[in-house]
Amino acid sequence: MENRDTTKQQLISNQHSSVMGRPRRITEGDTYYLIELFKKGYTVTIACRKAGIPSSTYYDEFASNEDFSDKVTAAQEIMTVQATRIIKGALSRGDLKTAMWFLDRQDRRERNAQRAKEYRLVKKLTVTKSYKETQSVELEIDTVTD
């Protein structure tokens, strides 16, 4: 019995994915459903799959419809806002573990930013050095050939 249901679902999904013609548009119902999924923390890929919307359609709509992109972005940020509130609440209550985690995370961010800054500096120096070496080699070649 389960095999028949699975096969039937696969046939239906194959028919929908291979339909030719006008690209699918996102309706208000689709938008509402996507917003609810994003509020629960789903990624774009999974939310689109659950809503039956190709992710290419989602990204096209996101790029062309400012109202849609604003709603979706706000829904995606809800989880971050809730997590931030919880962390701030724990810090204000004097939760030692949360405070240690928060400081460690900030320290890591600062170290990573410093590493990135150092990497950019080293890369710039390397490019400059190799450019100067290349120029001097070209000058030597020009002098030898003249």
C-alpha atoms as a PDB file:
ATOM      1  CA  MET A   1       0.000   0.000   0.000  1.00  0.00           C
ATOM      2  CA  GLU A   2       2.796   2.435   0.897  1.00  0.00           C
ATOM      3  CA  ASN A   3       4.649   1.677  -2.336  1.00  0.00           C
ATOM      4  CA  ARG A   4       1.586   2.672  -4.388  1.00  0.00           C
ATOM      5  CA  ASP A   5       1.240   5.959  -2.487  1.00  0.00           C
ATOM      6  CA  THR A   6       4.939   6.716  -2.868  1.00  0.00           C
ATOM      7  CA  THR A   7       4.858   5.900  -6.584  1.00  0.00           C
ATOM      8  CA  LYS A   8       1.755   8.017  -7.060  1.00  0.00           C
ATOM      9  CA  GLN A   9       3.411  10.984  -5.306  1.00  0.00           C
ATOM     10  CA  GLN A  10       6.536  10.596  -7.448  1.00  0.00           C
ATOM     11  CA  LEU A  11       4.450  10.573 -10.627  1.00  0.00           C
ATOM     12  CA  ILE A  12       2.570  13.692  -9.543  1.00  0.00           C
ATOM     13  CA  SER A  13       5.776  15.538  -8.592  1.00  0.00           C
ATOM     14  CA  ASN A  14       7.426  14.506 -11.884  1.00  0.00           C
ATOM     15  CA  GLN A  15       4.446  15.843 -13.819  1.00  0.00           C
ATOM     16  CA  HIS A  16       4.629  19.186 -11.989  1.00  0.00           C
ATOM     17  CA  SER A  17       8.374  19.554 -12.474  1.00  0.00           C
ATOM     18  CA  SER A  18       8.280  18.812 -16.196  1.00  0.00           C
ATOM     19  CA  VAL A  19       5.338  21.080 -17.065  1.00  0.00           C
ATOM     20  CA  MET A  20       6.192  23.407 -19.916  1.00  0.00           C
ATOM     21  CA  GLY A  21       4.809  26.869 -20.441  1.00  0.00           C
ATOM     22  CA  ARG A  22       4.476  29.975 -18.379  1.00  0.00           C
ATOM     23  CA  PRO A  23       6.592  30.024 -15.189  1.00  0.00           C
ATOM     24  CA  ARG A  24       4.696  29.658 -11.932  1.00  0.00           C
ATOM     25  CA  ARG A  25       3.933  32.848  -9.981  1.00  0.00           C
ATOM     26  CA  ILE A  26       3.798  33.093  -6.204  1.00  0.00           C
ATOM     27  CA  THR A  27       0.284  33.802  -4.953  1.00  0.00           C
ATOM     28  CA  GLU A  28      -0.761  35.534  -1.718  1.00  0.00           C
ATOM     29  CA  GLY A  29      -1.486  32.090  -0.249  1.00  0.00           C
ATOM     30  CA  ASP A  30       2.005  30.938  -1.162  1.00  0.00           C
ATOM     31  CA  THR A  31       3.469  34.073   0.410  1.00  0.00           C
ATOM     32  CA  TYR A  32       1.543  33.511   3.639  1.00  0.00           C
ATOM     33  CA  TYR A  33       2.641  29.856   3.772  1.00  0.00           C
ATOM     34  CA  LEU A  34       6.287  30.757   3.102  1.00  0.00           C
ATOM     35  CA  ILE A  35       6.181  33.410   5.840  1.00  0.00           C
ATOM     36  CA  GLU A  36       4.844  30.879   8.333  1.00  0.00           C
ATOM     37  CA  LEU A  37       7.596  28.424   7.387  1.00  0.00           C
ATOM     38  CA  PHE A  38      10.301  31.102   7.716  1.00  0.00           C
ATOM     39  CA  LYS A  39       8.934  32.090  11.127  1.00  0.00           C
ATOM     40  CA  LYS A  40       9.516  28.482  12.189  1.00  0.00           C
ATOM     41  CA  GLY A  41      13.131  28.676  11.036  1.00  0.00           C
ATOM     42  CA  TYR A  42      13.001  26.800   7.726  1.00  0.00           C
ATOM     43  CA  THR A  43      15.581  27.587   5.057  1.00  0.00           C
ATOM     44  CA  VAL A  44      14.566  28.895   1.625  1.00  0.00           C
ATOM     45  CA  THR A  45      15.208  25.521  -0.021  1.00  0.00           C
ATOM     46  CA  ILE A  46      13.109  23.544   2.449  1.00  0.00           C
ATOM     47  CA  ALA A  47      10.332  26.159   2.634  1.00  0.00           C
ATOM     48  CA  CYS A  48      10.040  26.227  -1.158  1.00  0.00           C
ATOM     49  CA  ARG A  49       9.998  22.439  -1.306  1.00  0.00           C
ATOM     50  CA  LYS A  50       7.233  22.279   1.334  1.00  0.00           C
ATOM     51  CA  ALA A  51       5.233  24.980  -0.467  1.00  0.00           C
ATOM     52  CA  GLY A  52       5.681  23.289  -3.849  1.00  0.00           C
ATOM     53  CA  ILE A  53       7.404  26.322  -5.336  1.00  0.00           C
ATOM     54  CA  PRO A  54      10.578  26.091  -7.425  1.00  0.00           C
ATOM     55  CA  SER A  55      13.349  28.004  -5.686  1.00  0.00           C
ATOM     56  CA  SER A  56      14.090  29.802  -8.969  1.00  0.00           C
ATOM     57  CA  THR A  57      10.536  31.197  -8.869  1.00  0.00           C
ATOM     58  CA  TYR A  58      11.083  32.283  -5.263  1.00  0.00           C
ATOM     59  CA  TYR A  59      14.331  34.111  -6.115  1.00  0.00           C
ATOM     60  CA  ASP A  60      12.766  35.743  -9.202  1.00  0.00           C
ATOM     61  CA  GLU A  61       9.873  37.001  -7.078  1.00  0.00           C
ATOM     62  CA  PHE A  62      12.276  38.116  -4.343  1.00  0.00           C
ATOM     63  CA  ALA A  63      14.269  40.163  -6.858  1.00  0.00           C
ATOM     64  CA  SER A  64      11.302  41.708  -8.663  1.00  0.00           C
ATOM     65  CA  ASN A  65       8.712  42.235  -5.898  1.00  0.00           C
ATOM     66  CA  GLU A  66       9.858  44.575  -3.122  1.00  0.00           C
ATOM     67  CA  ASP A  67       6.773  43.946  -0.970  1.00  0.00           C
ATOM     68  CA  PHE A  68       7.340  40.180  -1.125  1.00  0.00           C
ATOM     69  CA  SER A  69      11.042  40.508  -0.318  1.00  0.00           C
ATOM     70  CA  ASP A  70      10.310  42.802   2.663  1.00  0.00           C
ATOM     71  CA  LYS A  71       7.743  40.376   4.116  1.00  0.00           C
ATOM     72  CA  VAL A  72       9.961  37.345   3.631  1.00  0.00           C
ATOM     73  CA  THR A  73      13.065  39.047   5.047  1.00  0.00           C
ATOM     74  CA  ALA A  74      11.134  40.177   8.123  1.00  0.00           C
ATOM     75  CA  ALA A  75       9.840  36.636   8.659  1.00  0.00           C
ATOM     76  CA  GLN A  76      13.342  35.174   8.320  1.00  0.00           C
ATOM     77  CA  GLU A  77      14.695  37.626  10.896  1.00  0.00           C
ATOM     78  CA  ILE A  78      12.092  36.718  13.544  1.00  0.00           C
ATOM     79  CA  MET A  79      14.124  33.742  14.796  1.00  0.00           C
ATOM     80  CA  THR A  80      17.225  35.922  15.165  1.00  0.00           C
ATOM     81  CA  VAL A  81      15.262  38.576  17.044  1.00  0.00           C
ATOM     82  CA  GLN A  82      13.796  35.964  19.397  1.00  0.00           C
ATOM     83  CA  ALA A  83      17.205  34.433  20.053  1.00  0.00           C
ATOM     84  CA  THR A  84      18.682  37.872  20.725  1.00  0.00           C
ATOM     85  CA  ARG A  85      15.909  38.635  23.231  1.00  0.00           C
ATOM     86  CA  ILE A  86      16.518  35.351  25.039  1.00  0.00           C
ATOM     87  CA  ILE A  87      20.256  35.981  25.224  1.00  0.00           C
ATOM     88  CA  LYS A  88      19.761  39.553  26.455  1.00  0.00           C
ATOM     89  CA  GLY A  89      17.287  38.325  29.064  1.00  0.00           C
ATOM     90  CA  ALA A  90      19.688  35.660  30.284  1.00  0.00           C
ATOM     91  CA  LEU A  91      22.510  38.203  30.468  1.00  0.00           C
ATOM     92  CA  SER A  92      20.374  40.660  32.432  1.00  0.00           C
ATOM     93  CA  ARG A  93      19.446  37.882  34.890  1.00  0.00           C
ATOM     94  CA  GLY A  94      23.156  37.230  35.434  1.00  0.00           C
ATOM     95  CA  ASP A  95      23.286  33.812  33.765  1.00  0.00           C
ATOM     96  CA  LEU A  96      27.002  32.976  33.977  1.00  0.00           C
ATOM     97  CA  LYS A  97      27.024  30.326  31.202  1.00  0.00           C
ATOM     98  CA  THR A  98      25.297  32.656  28.749  1.00  0.00           C
ATOM     99  CA  ALA A  99      27.680  35.483  29.644  1.00  0.00           C
ATOM    100  CA  MET A 100      30.696  33.235  29.071  1.00  0.00           C
ATOM    101  CA  TRP A 101      29.275  31.997  25.757  1.00  0.00           C
ATOM    102  CA  PHE A 102      28.520  35.563  24.631  1.00  0.00           C
ATOM    103  CA  LEU A 103      32.012  36.839  25.482  1.00  0.00           C
ATOM    104  CA  ASP A 104      33.661  33.834  23.818  1.00  0.00           C
ATOM    105  CA  ARG A 105      31.604  34.385  20.682  1.00  0.00           C
ATOM    106  CA  GLN A 106      32.501  38.087  20.563  1.00  0.00           C
ATOM    107  CA  ASP A 107      36.152  37.258  21.146  1.00  0.00           C
ATOM    108  CA  ARG A 108      36.048  34.797  18.230  1.00  0.00           C
ATOM    109  CA  ARG A 109      34.448  37.428  15.997  1.00  0.00           C
ATOM    110  CA  GLU A 110      37.140  39.938  16.877  1.00  0.00           C
ATOM    111  CA  ARG A 111      39.907  37.379  16.291  1.00  0.00           C
ATOM    112  CA  ASN A 112      38.383  36.418  12.943  1.00  0.00           C
ATOM    113  CA  ALA A 113      38.099  40.081  11.953  1.00  0.00           C
ATOM    114  CA  GLN A 114      41.734  40.609  12.929  1.00  0.00           C
ATOM    115  CA  ARG A 115      42.794  37.524  10.943  1.00  0.00           C
ATOM    116  CA  ALA A 116      40.868  38.770   7.915  1.00  0.00           C
ATOM    117  CA  LYS A 117      42.520  42.171   8.218  1.00  0.00           C
ATOM    118  CA  GLU A 118      45.969  40.563   8.489  1.00  0.00           C
ATOM    119  CA  TYR A 119      45.218  38.272   5.531  1.00  0.00           C
ATOM    120  CA  ARG A 120      44.197  41.251   3.364  1.00  0.00           C
ATOM    121  CA  LEU A 121      47.378  43.095   4.374  1.00  0.00           C
ATOM    122  CA  VAL A 122      49.630  40.094   3.616  1.00  0.00           C
ATOM    123  CA  LYS A 123      47.872  39.544   0.300  1.00  0.00           C
ATOM    124  CA  LYS A 124      48.318  43.203  -0.625  1.00  0.00           C
ATOM    125  CA  LEU A 125      52.015  43.090   0.288  1.00  0.00           C
ATOM    126  CA  THR A 126      52.492  39.856  -1.667  1.00  0.00           C
ATOM    127  CA  VAL A 127      50.795  41.274  -4.750  1.00  0.00           C
ATOM    128  CA  THR A 128      52.836  44.468  -4.471  1.00  0.00           C
ATOM    129  CA  LYS A 129      56.070  42.507  -4.016  1.00  0.00           C
ATOM    130  CA  SER A 130      55.338  40.187  -6.938  1.00  0.00           C
ATOM    131  CA  TYR A 131      54.388  43.183  -9.103  1.00  0.00           C
ATOM    132  CA  LYS A 132      57.677  44.918  -8.309  1.00  0.00           C
ATOM    133  CA  GLU A 133      59.621  41.701  -8.981  1.00  0.00           C
ATOM    134  CA  THR A 134      57.788  41.259 -12.272  1.00  0.00           C
ATOM    135  CA  GLN A 135      58.559  44.847 -13.249  1.00  0.00           C
ATOM    136  CA  SER A 136      62.253  44.416 -12.429  1.00  0.00           C
ATOM    137  CA  VAL A 137      62.423  41.164 -14.439  1.00  0.00           C
ATOM    138  CA  GLU A 138      60.787  42.920 -17.389  1.00  0.00           C
ATOM    139  CA  LEU A 139      63.307  45.740 -17.099  1.00  0.00           C
ATOM    140  CA  GLU A 140      66.188  43.234 -17.090  1.00  0.00           C
ATOM    141  CA  ILE A 141      64.782  41.505 -20.178  1.00  0.00           C
ATOM    142  CA  ASP A 142      64.369  44.833 -21.981  1.00  0.00           C
ATOM    143  CA  THR A 143      67.990  45.804 -21.188  1.00  0.00           C
ATOM    144  CA  VAL A 144      69.349  42.476 -22.390  1.00  0.00           C
ATOM    145  CA  THR A 145      67.425  42.569 -25.676  1.00  0.00           C
ATOM    146  CA  ASP A 146      68.356  46.180 -26.522  1.00  0.00           C
END
